[in-house]
Amino acid sequence: MADTSPALFIRLDFGDGRRLGPGKIALLEAIHLSGSILGAAKALGMSYRRAWMLMDELGRMFEEPVLRTFPGRRGGGSEVTPFGHRLIALYRAMERQAARATEGAGSEIMRSLAKDYQARPDAEPETQAG
């Protein structure tokens, strides 16, 4: 049987069109672990182009840089800046706080789920853009 535990996703939609969500944060974390955008993209099953575009967008969103890149240095590489690490920490803290705040309501909703539910095979899955 599939895990029916509810998952809560946080995405900040700023009024001017900027967005910060789980995808960009996970990519930043993967860059920290791998030391490169390419390594992070591979680890997340994402194209290098998509990863680069997300990091470019994230870099333009804030006054401080979130990433430093080193083109050509022993094959290149990237590192998350102190501000980038702070951004990750703030986002993960928001997730933990939101999970605690919604635990009771989420559990009540989960207890109300139909036991015999089956998703329609042609139904569009909900997506999380970040």
N, C-alpha and C. Protein backbone atom coordinates (compact mmCIF):
# COMPACT_ATOMS: atom_id res chain seq x y z
N MET A 1 0.84 -1.18 0.00
CA MET A 1 0.00 0.00 0.00
C MET A 1 0.89 1.25 0.00
N ALA A 2 0.51 2.24 -0.75
CA ALA A 2 1.28 3.48 -0.85
C ALA A 2 1.21 4.26 0.46
N ASP A 3 2.26 5.01 0.72
CA ASP A 3 2.29 5.87 1.90
C ASP A 3 1.27 6.98 1.70
N THR A 4 0.34 7.10 2.63
CA THR A 4 -0.69 8.13 2.51
C THR A 4 -0.43 9.30 3.45
N SER A 5 0.76 9.35 4.05
CA SER A 5 1.07 10.47 4.92
C SER A 5 1.05 11.76 4.10
N PRO A 6 0.39 12.79 4.60
CA PRO A 6 0.35 14.03 3.83
C PRO A 6 1.72 14.70 3.79
N ALA A 7 2.02 15.30 2.67
CA ALA A 7 3.25 16.06 2.51
C ALA A 7 2.87 17.52 2.35
N LEU A 8 3.60 18.38 3.00
CA LEU A 8 3.35 19.80 2.94
C LEU A 8 4.49 20.45 2.17
N PHE A 9 4.17 21.23 1.15
CA PHE A 9 5.19 21.93 0.38
C PHE A 9 5.01 23.42 0.57
N ILE A 10 6.10 24.12 0.75
CA ILE A 10 6.07 25.56 0.92
C ILE A 10 6.65 26.19 -0.34
N ARG A 11 5.92 27.11 -0.91
CA ARG A 11 6.45 27.90 -2.02
C ARG A 11 6.10 29.35 -1.76
N LEU A 12 7.08 30.20 -1.79
CA LEU A 12 6.86 31.62 -1.62
C LEU A 12 6.66 32.24 -3.00
N ASP A 13 5.52 32.85 -3.22
CA ASP A 13 5.23 33.57 -4.45
C ASP A 13 5.27 35.05 -4.12
N PHE A 14 6.31 35.73 -4.58
CA PHE A 14 6.43 37.15 -4.33
C PHE A 14 5.57 37.90 -5.34
N GLY A 15 5.08 39.06 -4.97
CA GLY A 15 4.15 39.81 -5.80
C GLY A 15 4.66 40.17 -7.18
N ASP A 16 5.96 40.20 -7.36
CA ASP A 16 6.52 40.61 -8.65
C ASP A 16 6.84 39.43 -9.57
N GLY A 17 6.36 38.23 -9.20
CA GLY A 17 6.58 37.06 -10.06
C GLY A 17 7.70 36.14 -9.61
N ARG A 18 8.52 36.57 -8.68
CA ARG A 18 9.58 35.70 -8.17
C ARG A 18 8.97 34.59 -7.33
N ARG A 19 9.61 33.42 -7.39
CA ARG A 19 9.15 32.26 -6.62
C ARG A 19 10.34 31.55 -5.99
N LEU A 20 10.11 31.08 -4.78
CA LEU A 20 11.11 30.27 -4.09
C LEU A 20 10.40 29.08 -3.49
N GLY A 21 10.83 27.88 -3.89
CA GLY A 21 10.17 26.68 -3.42
C GLY A 21 11.12 25.52 -3.26
N PRO A 22 10.56 24.33 -3.09
CA PRO A 22 11.38 23.15 -2.78
C PRO A 22 12.37 22.77 -3.87
N GLY A 23 12.05 23.04 -5.12
CA GLY A 23 12.97 22.67 -6.20
C GLY A 23 14.25 23.46 -6.18
N LYS A 24 14.16 24.75 -6.02
CA LYS A 24 15.37 25.60 -6.00
C LYS A 24 16.20 25.32 -4.75
N ILE A 25 15.53 25.11 -3.64
CA ILE A 25 16.26 24.82 -2.40
C ILE A 25 16.97 23.47 -2.50
N ALA A 26 16.29 22.46 -3.02
CA ALA A 26 16.92 21.14 -3.19
C ALA A 26 18.11 21.23 -4.14
N LEU A 27 17.99 22.03 -5.18
CA LEU A 27 19.10 22.20 -6.12
C LEU A 27 20.28 22.88 -5.44
N LEU A 28 20.02 23.90 -4.65
CA LEU A 28 21.11 24.55 -3.89
C LEU A 28 21.80 23.55 -2.96
N GLU A 29 21.01 22.74 -2.28
CA GLU A 29 21.59 21.73 -1.38
C GLU A 29 22.43 20.72 -2.16
N ALA A 30 21.95 20.31 -3.33
CA ALA A 30 22.68 19.35 -4.15
C ALA A 30 23.97 19.95 -4.68
N ILE A 31 23.97 21.24 -5.00
CA ILE A 31 25.20 21.92 -5.44
C ILE A 31 26.20 21.94 -4.30
N HIS A 32 25.72 22.20 -3.10
CA HIS A 32 26.61 22.18 -1.93
C HIS A 32 27.28 20.81 -1.79
N LEU A 33 26.50 19.75 -1.96
CA LEU A 33 27.03 18.40 -1.79
C LEU A 33 27.96 17.98 -2.93
N SER A 34 27.62 18.35 -4.16
CA SER A 34 28.39 17.87 -5.31
C SER A 34 29.51 18.82 -5.72
N GLY A 35 29.39 20.09 -5.39
CA GLY A 35 30.40 21.06 -5.78
C GLY A 35 30.25 21.55 -7.20
N SER A 36 29.15 21.19 -7.86
CA SER A 36 28.94 21.68 -9.23
C SER A 36 27.46 21.65 -9.59
N ILE A 37 27.11 22.52 -10.54
CA ILE A 37 25.74 22.53 -11.03
C ILE A 37 25.46 21.25 -11.80
N LEU A 38 26.43 20.80 -12.59
CA LEU A 38 26.25 19.58 -13.37
C LEU A 38 26.05 18.37 -12.45
N GLY A 39 26.87 18.25 -11.41
CA GLY A 39 26.73 17.14 -10.47
C GLY A 39 25.40 17.17 -9.76
N ALA A 40 24.95 18.37 -9.39
CA ALA A 40 23.66 18.52 -8.71
C ALA A 40 22.52 18.14 -9.65
N ALA A 41 22.61 18.60 -10.90
CA ALA A 41 21.57 18.28 -11.88
C ALA A 41 21.46 16.77 -12.07
N LYS A 42 22.59 16.10 -12.20
CA LYS A 42 22.57 14.64 -12.36
C LYS A 42 21.97 13.96 -11.15
N ALA A 43 22.34 14.43 -9.96
CA ALA A 43 21.83 13.82 -8.73
C ALA A 43 20.32 13.97 -8.60
N LEU A 44 19.78 15.05 -9.16
CA LEU A 44 18.34 15.30 -9.06
C LEU A 44 17.57 14.84 -10.29
N GLY A 45 18.28 14.27 -11.27
CA GLY A 45 17.61 13.81 -12.49
C GLY A 45 17.09 14.96 -13.34
N MET A 46 17.84 16.04 -13.38
CA MET A 46 17.44 17.26 -14.06
C MET A 46 18.49 17.57 -15.14
N SER A 47 18.08 18.24 -16.19
CA SER A 47 19.05 18.62 -17.21
C SER A 47 19.95 19.72 -16.67
N TYR A 48 21.17 19.77 -17.19
CA TYR A 48 22.10 20.83 -16.78
C TYR A 48 21.51 22.19 -17.13
N ARG A 49 20.90 22.30 -18.30
CA ARG A 49 20.32 23.57 -18.73
C ARG A 49 19.25 24.04 -17.75
N ARG A 50 18.37 23.14 -17.32
CA ARG A 50 17.32 23.49 -16.36
C ARG A 50 17.93 23.94 -15.03
N ALA A 51 18.92 23.20 -14.57
CA ALA A 51 19.58 23.56 -13.30
C ALA A 51 20.26 24.92 -13.42
N TRP A 52 20.95 25.15 -14.53
CA TRP A 52 21.63 26.42 -14.71
C TRP A 52 20.62 27.56 -14.74
N MET A 53 19.51 27.37 -15.44
CA MET A 53 18.49 28.42 -15.53
C MET A 53 17.87 28.72 -14.16
N LEU A 54 17.62 27.68 -13.37
CA LEU A 54 17.07 27.90 -12.02
C LEU A 54 18.06 28.67 -11.15
N MET A 55 19.34 28.32 -11.24
CA MET A 55 20.34 29.02 -10.44
C MET A 55 20.55 30.45 -10.93
N ASP A 56 20.44 30.67 -12.24
CA ASP A 56 20.53 32.03 -12.77
C ASP A 56 19.38 32.87 -12.22
N GLU A 57 18.17 32.30 -12.25
CA GLU A 57 17.00 33.01 -11.72
C GLU A 57 17.17 33.30 -10.23
N LEU A 58 17.61 32.30 -9.49
CA LEU A 58 17.80 32.47 -8.05
C LEU A 58 18.86 33.54 -7.78
N GLY A 59 19.90 33.56 -8.59
CA GLY A 59 20.95 34.56 -8.42
C GLY A 59 20.46 35.98 -8.68
N ARG A 60 19.50 36.13 -9.57
CA ARG A 60 18.95 37.46 -9.87
C ARG A 60 17.89 37.90 -8.88
N MET A 61 17.34 36.96 -8.11
CA MET A 61 16.25 37.26 -7.19
C MET A 61 16.68 38.06 -5.96
N PHE A 62 17.93 37.90 -5.55
CA PHE A 62 18.37 38.47 -4.29
C PHE A 62 19.52 39.45 -4.50
N GLU A 63 19.68 40.34 -3.56
CA GLU A 63 20.77 41.31 -3.65
C GLU A 63 22.12 40.66 -3.42
N GLU A 64 22.16 39.64 -2.59
CA GLU A 64 23.42 38.93 -2.34
C GLU A 64 23.46 37.67 -3.19
N PRO A 65 24.64 37.27 -3.64
CA PRO A 65 24.73 36.04 -4.44
C PRO A 65 24.46 34.79 -3.59
N VAL A 66 23.83 33.81 -4.19
CA VAL A 66 23.59 32.54 -3.51
C VAL A 66 24.60 31.48 -3.91
N LEU A 67 25.32 31.76 -5.00
CA LEU A 67 26.23 30.77 -5.58
C LEU A 67 27.44 31.47 -6.16
N ARG A 68 28.60 30.83 -6.03
CA ARG A 68 29.82 31.27 -6.72
C ARG A 68 30.21 30.17 -7.69
N THR A 69 30.51 30.55 -8.90
CA THR A 69 30.95 29.55 -9.89
C THR A 69 32.39 29.82 -10.25
N PHE A 70 33.09 28.74 -10.58
CA PHE A 70 34.49 28.80 -10.93
C PHE A 70 34.70 28.12 -12.28
N PRO A 71 34.37 28.80 -13.38
CA PRO A 71 34.52 28.19 -14.70
C PRO A 71 35.99 27.87 -14.98
N GLY A 72 36.21 26.68 -15.48
CA GLY A 72 37.55 26.32 -15.91
C GLY A 72 38.50 25.88 -14.82
N ARG A 73 38.21 26.13 -13.58
CA ARG A 73 39.10 25.73 -12.49
C ARG A 73 38.99 24.23 -12.29
N ARG A 74 39.99 23.51 -12.74
CA ARG A 74 40.00 22.04 -12.63
C ARG A 74 38.66 21.46 -13.10
N GLY A 75 38.19 21.94 -14.22
CA GLY A 75 36.93 21.46 -14.74
C GLY A 75 35.74 22.26 -14.25
N GLY A 76 36.01 23.31 -13.53
CA GLY A 76 34.93 24.18 -13.07
C GLY A 76 34.38 23.72 -11.73
N GLY A 77 33.37 24.39 -11.30
CA GLY A 77 32.75 24.05 -10.03
C GLY A 77 31.92 25.20 -9.52
N SER A 78 31.18 24.94 -8.47
CA SER A 78 30.32 25.94 -7.86
C SER A 78 30.30 25.71 -6.36
N GLU A 79 30.08 26.80 -5.64
CA GLU A 79 29.90 26.66 -4.20
C GLU A 79 28.79 27.60 -3.74
N VAL A 80 28.06 27.14 -2.76
CA VAL A 80 26.97 27.92 -2.18
C VAL A 80 27.59 28.97 -1.26
N THR A 81 27.16 30.20 -1.39
CA THR A 81 27.69 31.29 -0.57
C THR A 81 27.09 31.22 0.84
N PRO A 82 27.67 31.98 1.78
CA PRO A 82 27.06 32.04 3.11
C PRO A 82 25.59 32.48 3.06
N PHE A 83 25.26 33.44 2.18
CA PHE A 83 23.86 33.84 2.04
C PHE A 83 23.02 32.68 1.50
N GLY A 84 23.56 31.92 0.56
CA GLY A 84 22.84 30.76 0.03
C GLY A 84 22.55 29.75 1.12
N HIS A 85 23.53 29.52 2.00
CA HIS A 85 23.31 28.60 3.14
C HIS A 85 22.25 29.16 4.08
N ARG A 86 22.25 30.46 4.29
CA ARG A 86 21.25 31.09 5.15
C ARG A 86 19.85 30.95 4.54
N LEU A 87 19.76 31.11 3.23
CA LEU A 87 18.50 30.95 2.52
C LEU A 87 17.95 29.53 2.70
N ILE A 88 18.83 28.54 2.56
CA ILE A 88 18.44 27.14 2.76
C ILE A 88 17.93 26.96 4.19
N ALA A 89 18.68 27.47 5.16
CA ALA A 89 18.30 27.30 6.57
C ALA A 89 16.96 27.97 6.87
N LEU A 90 16.75 29.16 6.35
CA LEU A 90 15.48 29.86 6.58
C LEU A 90 14.31 29.10 5.96
N TYR A 91 14.50 28.60 4.75
CA TYR A 91 13.44 27.86 4.07
C TYR A 91 13.11 26.58 4.82
N ARG A 92 14.14 25.82 5.23
CA ARG A 92 13.90 24.57 5.96
C ARG A 92 13.26 24.84 7.32
N ALA A 93 13.59 25.96 7.96
CA ALA A 93 12.95 26.32 9.23
C ALA A 93 11.46 26.62 8.99
N MET A 94 11.14 27.29 7.90
CA MET A 94 9.74 27.55 7.56
C MET A 94 8.99 26.24 7.36
N GLU A 95 9.61 25.28 6.68
CA GLU A 95 8.97 23.98 6.47
C GLU A 95 8.67 23.28 7.80
N ARG A 96 9.66 23.27 8.69
CA ARG A 96 9.46 22.62 9.99
C ARG A 96 8.35 23.30 10.78
N GLN A 97 8.35 24.63 10.80
CA GLN A 97 7.33 25.37 11.53
C GLN A 97 5.95 25.13 10.94
N ALA A 98 5.84 25.13 9.63
CA ALA A 98 4.55 24.90 8.97
C ALA A 98 4.06 23.48 9.24
N ALA A 99 4.97 22.50 9.22
CA ALA A 99 4.59 21.11 9.48
C ALA A 99 4.03 20.97 10.90
N ARG A 100 4.70 21.60 11.86
CA ARG A 100 4.21 21.54 13.25
C ARG A 100 2.85 22.23 13.37
N ALA A 101 2.71 23.37 12.71
CA ALA A 101 1.47 24.15 12.83
C ALA A 101 0.28 23.46 12.17
N THR A 102 0.51 22.62 11.19
CA THR A 102 -0.59 22.00 10.45
C THR A 102 -0.75 20.51 10.75
N GLU A 103 0.01 19.99 11.69
CA GLU A 103 -0.02 18.55 11.98
C GLU A 103 -1.41 18.07 12.37
N GLY A 104 -2.08 18.76 13.27
CA GLY A 104 -3.41 18.32 13.72
C GLY A 104 -4.44 18.36 12.60
N ALA A 105 -4.47 19.44 11.86
CA ALA A 105 -5.42 19.55 10.75
C ALA A 105 -5.12 18.53 9.67
N GLY A 106 -3.84 18.33 9.38
CA GLY A 106 -3.45 17.33 8.37
C GLY A 106 -3.85 15.93 8.78
N SER A 107 -3.69 15.61 10.05
CA SER A 107 -4.08 14.29 10.55
C SER A 107 -5.59 14.10 10.47
N GLU A 108 -6.33 15.15 10.81
CA GLU A 108 -7.79 15.04 10.72
C GLU A 108 -8.24 14.84 9.27
N ILE A 109 -7.65 15.58 8.37
CA ILE A 109 -7.99 15.41 6.95
C ILE A 109 -7.61 14.00 6.49
N MET A 110 -6.46 13.51 6.91
CA MET A 110 -6.02 12.17 6.52
C MET A 110 -7.00 11.10 7.03
N ARG A 111 -7.50 11.25 8.26
CA ARG A 111 -8.46 10.29 8.81
C ARG A 111 -9.78 10.30 8.03
N SER A 112 -10.06 11.39 7.34
CA SER A 112 -11.30 11.52 6.58
C SER A 112 -11.21 10.99 5.16
N LEU A 113 -10.04 10.55 4.75
CA LEU A 113 -9.86 10.08 3.37
C LEU A 113 -10.66 8.80 3.13
N ALA A 114 -11.23 8.67 1.93
CA ALA A 114 -11.96 7.46 1.54
C ALA A 114 -10.99 6.29 1.48
N LYS A 115 -11.39 5.16 2.05
CA LYS A 115 -10.52 3.98 2.11
C LYS A 115 -10.38 3.32 0.74
N ASP A 116 -11.40 3.44 -0.11
CA ASP A 116 -11.39 2.74 -1.40
C ASP A 116 -11.02 3.64 -2.58
N TYR A 117 -10.39 4.78 -2.31
CA TYR A 117 -10.03 5.73 -3.37
C TYR A 117 -9.01 5.14 -4.33
N GLN A 118 -9.23 5.36 -5.61
CA GLN A 118 -8.26 5.01 -6.64
C GLN A 118 -8.16 6.17 -7.60
N ALA A 119 -6.94 6.63 -7.84
CA ALA A 119 -6.74 7.73 -8.78
C ALA A 119 -7.11 7.29 -10.18
N ARG A 120 -7.71 8.20 -10.94
CA ARG A 120 -8.02 7.90 -12.33
C ARG A 120 -6.71 7.88 -13.11
N PRO A 121 -6.53 6.90 -13.99
CA PRO A 121 -5.27 6.81 -14.73
C PRO A 121 -5.02 8.01 -15.65
N ASP A 122 -6.08 8.70 -16.07
CA ASP A 122 -5.92 9.83 -16.97
C ASP A 122 -5.89 11.17 -16.24
N ALA A 123 -5.91 11.14 -14.92
CA ALA A 123 -5.92 12.38 -14.14
C ALA A 123 -4.56 13.05 -14.21
N GLU A 124 -4.57 14.37 -14.29
CA GLU A 124 -3.32 15.12 -14.29
C GLU A 124 -2.79 15.22 -12.86
N PRO A 125 -1.52 14.85 -12.65
CA PRO A 125 -0.97 14.99 -11.29
C PRO A 125 -0.72 16.45 -10.97
N GLU A 126 -0.83 16.78 -9.69
CA GLU A 126 -0.48 18.14 -9.27
C GLU A 126 1.02 18.26 -9.33
N THR A 127 1.49 19.44 -9.71
CA THR A 127 2.92 19.65 -9.81
C THR A 127 3.35 20.67 -8.79
N GLN A 128 4.63 20.64 -8.49
CA GLN A 128 5.20 21.65 -7.59
C GLN A 128 6.32 22.36 -8.33
N ALA A 129 6.11 23.57 -8.71
CA ALA A 129 7.15 24.36 -9.36
C ALA A 129 7.87 25.13 -8.28
N GLY A 130 9.17 25.31 -8.39
CA GLY A 130 9.82 26.01 -7.32
C GLY A 130 10.81 26.94 -7.73
